[in-house]
Amino acid sequence: MTNKYEPQDNAYKEKHELEVIASEIVDLLREKDLIIWQAEEVLSIAKNKIQWSKLR
């Protein structure tokens, strides 16, 4: 049975799917930023340890 609102319903579903995908992308970008920040912290600690070991 065809519904006169079907194209509108499909557009709503597609919009919702795109919003979900966009939200997932934002979450992944935040995770990426957190991972980069953590890697920078580890690198900074490693550099400090190397500098201290050279001073001994």
N, C-alpha and C. Protein backbone atom coordinates (compact mmCIF):
# COMPACT_ATOMS: atom_id res chain seq x y z
N MET A 1 0.85 -1.17 0.00
CA MET A 1 0.00 0.00 0.00
C MET A 1 0.90 1.24 0.00
N THR A 2 0.63 2.14 -0.90
CA THR A 2 1.43 3.35 -0.96
C THR A 2 0.82 4.41 -0.07
N ASN A 3 1.68 5.15 0.50
CA ASN A 3 1.27 6.18 1.43
C ASN A 3 1.63 7.52 0.81
N LYS A 4 0.74 8.49 0.87
CA LYS A 4 1.04 9.78 0.26
C LYS A 4 2.17 10.50 0.99
N TYR A 5 2.52 10.05 2.20
CA TYR A 5 3.60 10.66 2.97
C TYR A 5 4.92 9.90 2.82
N GLU A 6 4.92 8.87 2.02
CA GLU A 6 6.10 8.01 1.91
C GLU A 6 7.37 8.78 1.54
N PRO A 7 7.37 9.64 0.51
CA PRO A 7 8.62 10.37 0.21
C PRO A 7 9.10 11.20 1.39
N GLN A 8 8.17 11.80 2.11
CA GLN A 8 8.53 12.59 3.28
C GLN A 8 9.11 11.69 4.37
N ASP A 9 8.50 10.52 4.56
CA ASP A 9 8.99 9.57 5.55
C ASP A 9 10.40 9.11 5.18
N ASN A 10 10.62 8.83 3.89
CA ASN A 10 11.95 8.42 3.45
C ASN A 10 12.97 9.52 3.68
N ALA A 11 12.58 10.75 3.39
CA ALA A 11 13.50 11.88 3.61
C ALA A 11 13.81 12.01 5.10
N TYR A 12 12.81 11.82 5.95
CA TYR A 12 13.03 11.90 7.40
C TYR A 12 13.99 10.79 7.85
N LYS A 13 13.76 9.57 7.32
CA LYS A 13 14.63 8.44 7.69
C LYS A 13 16.06 8.70 7.24
N GLU A 14 16.22 9.18 6.00
CA GLU A 14 17.56 9.46 5.49
C GLU A 14 18.24 10.56 6.31
N LYS A 15 17.48 11.60 6.66
CA LYS A 15 18.02 12.69 7.47
C LYS A 15 18.47 12.15 8.83
N HIS A 16 17.64 11.30 9.42
CA HIS A 16 17.99 10.72 10.72
C HIS A 16 19.25 9.86 10.60
N GLU A 17 19.34 9.05 9.55
CA GLU A 17 20.53 8.21 9.35
C GLU A 17 21.78 9.07 9.19
N LEU A 18 21.66 10.17 8.44
CA LEU A 18 22.80 11.06 8.27
C LEU A 18 23.19 11.73 9.58
N GLU A 19 22.21 12.08 10.40
CA GLU A 19 22.51 12.67 11.70
C GLU A 19 23.23 11.68 12.60
N VAL A 20 22.83 10.41 12.54
CA VAL A 20 23.49 9.38 13.33
C VAL A 20 24.93 9.21 12.86
N ILE A 21 25.12 9.17 11.55
CA ILE A 21 26.48 9.03 10.99
C ILE A 21 27.33 10.23 11.38
N ALA A 22 26.77 11.43 11.27
CA ALA A 22 27.51 12.64 11.63
C ALA A 22 27.91 12.60 13.11
N SER A 23 27.01 12.14 13.95
CA SER A 23 27.29 12.04 15.38
C SER A 23 28.43 11.04 15.63
N GLU A 24 28.41 9.94 14.91
CA GLU A 24 29.47 8.94 15.06
C GLU A 24 30.81 9.50 14.61
N ILE A 25 30.79 10.29 13.53
CA ILE A 25 32.03 10.90 13.04
C ILE A 25 32.58 11.87 14.08
N VAL A 26 31.72 12.67 14.67
CA VAL A 26 32.15 13.60 15.71
C VAL A 26 32.76 12.85 16.89
N ASP A 27 32.12 11.74 17.29
CA ASP A 27 32.66 10.93 18.38
C ASP A 27 34.05 10.40 18.04
N LEU A 28 34.21 9.92 16.79
CA LEU A 28 35.51 9.39 16.37
C LEU A 28 36.58 10.49 16.34
N LEU A 29 36.19 11.68 15.91
CA LEU A 29 37.15 12.79 15.91
C LEU A 29 37.56 13.17 17.33
N ARG A 30 36.62 13.12 18.25
CA ARG A 30 36.97 13.41 19.66
C ARG A 30 37.92 12.35 20.19
N GLU A 31 37.65 11.08 19.85
CA GLU A 31 38.54 10.00 20.28
C GLU A 31 39.93 10.20 19.70
N LYS A 32 39.98 10.58 18.42
CA LYS A 32 41.27 10.81 17.75
C LYS A 32 42.03 11.92 18.48
N ASP A 33 41.33 13.00 18.81
CA ASP A 33 41.98 14.10 19.52
C ASP A 33 42.50 13.65 20.88
N LEU A 34 41.73 12.83 21.57
CA LEU A 34 42.16 12.32 22.88
C LEU A 34 43.40 11.44 22.72
N ILE A 35 43.40 10.59 21.72
CA ILE A 35 44.55 9.70 21.48
C ILE A 35 45.79 10.53 21.16
N ILE A 36 45.62 11.55 20.33
CA ILE A 36 46.75 12.42 19.99
C ILE A 36 47.27 13.12 21.24
N TRP A 37 46.36 13.63 22.07
CA TRP A 37 46.77 14.31 23.30
C TRP A 37 47.54 13.35 24.20
N GLN A 38 47.02 12.11 24.34
CA GLN A 38 47.70 11.13 25.18
C GLN A 38 49.09 10.80 24.62
N ALA A 39 49.19 10.67 23.31
CA ALA A 39 50.48 10.37 22.69
C ALA A 39 51.46 11.52 22.92
N GLU A 40 50.97 12.74 22.82
CA GLU A 40 51.84 13.89 23.08
C GLU A 40 52.32 13.91 24.52
N GLU A 41 51.45 13.54 25.46
CA GLU A 41 51.85 13.47 26.86
C GLU A 41 52.93 12.41 27.07
N VAL A 42 52.75 11.24 26.47
CA VAL A 42 53.74 10.16 26.60
C VAL A 42 55.07 10.60 25.99
N LEU A 43 55.01 11.26 24.84
CA LEU A 43 56.22 11.73 24.19
C LEU A 43 56.94 12.76 25.05
N SER A 44 56.18 13.64 25.66
CA SER A 44 56.76 14.65 26.54
C SER A 44 57.45 14.01 27.73
N ILE A 45 56.81 13.02 28.32
CA ILE A 45 57.41 12.31 29.47
C ILE A 45 58.69 11.61 29.03
N ALA A 46 58.64 10.97 27.88
CA ALA A 46 59.83 10.27 27.38
C ALA A 46 60.98 11.25 27.13
N LYS A 47 60.67 12.39 26.54
CA LYS A 47 61.71 13.39 26.29
C LYS A 47 62.32 13.87 27.61
N ASN A 48 61.48 14.11 28.61
CA ASN A 48 61.98 14.54 29.92
C ASN A 48 62.89 13.49 30.54
N LYS A 49 62.51 12.23 30.44
CA LYS A 49 63.34 11.16 31.00
C LYS A 49 64.68 11.08 30.29
N ILE A 50 64.66 11.27 28.98
CA ILE A 50 65.92 11.24 28.21
C ILE A 50 66.81 12.40 28.64
N GLN A 51 66.22 13.59 28.79
CA GLN A 51 67.00 14.75 29.21
C GLN A 51 67.60 14.54 30.60
N TRP A 52 66.81 14.00 31.52
CA TRP A 52 67.31 13.74 32.87
C TRP A 52 68.44 12.71 32.85
N SER A 53 68.28 11.69 32.01
CA SER A 53 69.32 10.65 31.96
C SER A 53 70.62 11.23 31.38
N LYS A 54 70.53 12.21 30.50
CA LYS A 54 71.73 12.83 29.94
C LYS A 54 72.42 13.72 30.97
N LEU A 55 71.65 14.27 31.90
CA LEU A 55 72.23 15.15 32.92
C LEU A 55 72.98 14.38 34.01
N ARG A 56 72.68 13.12 34.17
CA ARG A 56 73.32 12.32 35.24
C ARG A 56 74.74 12.04 34.97
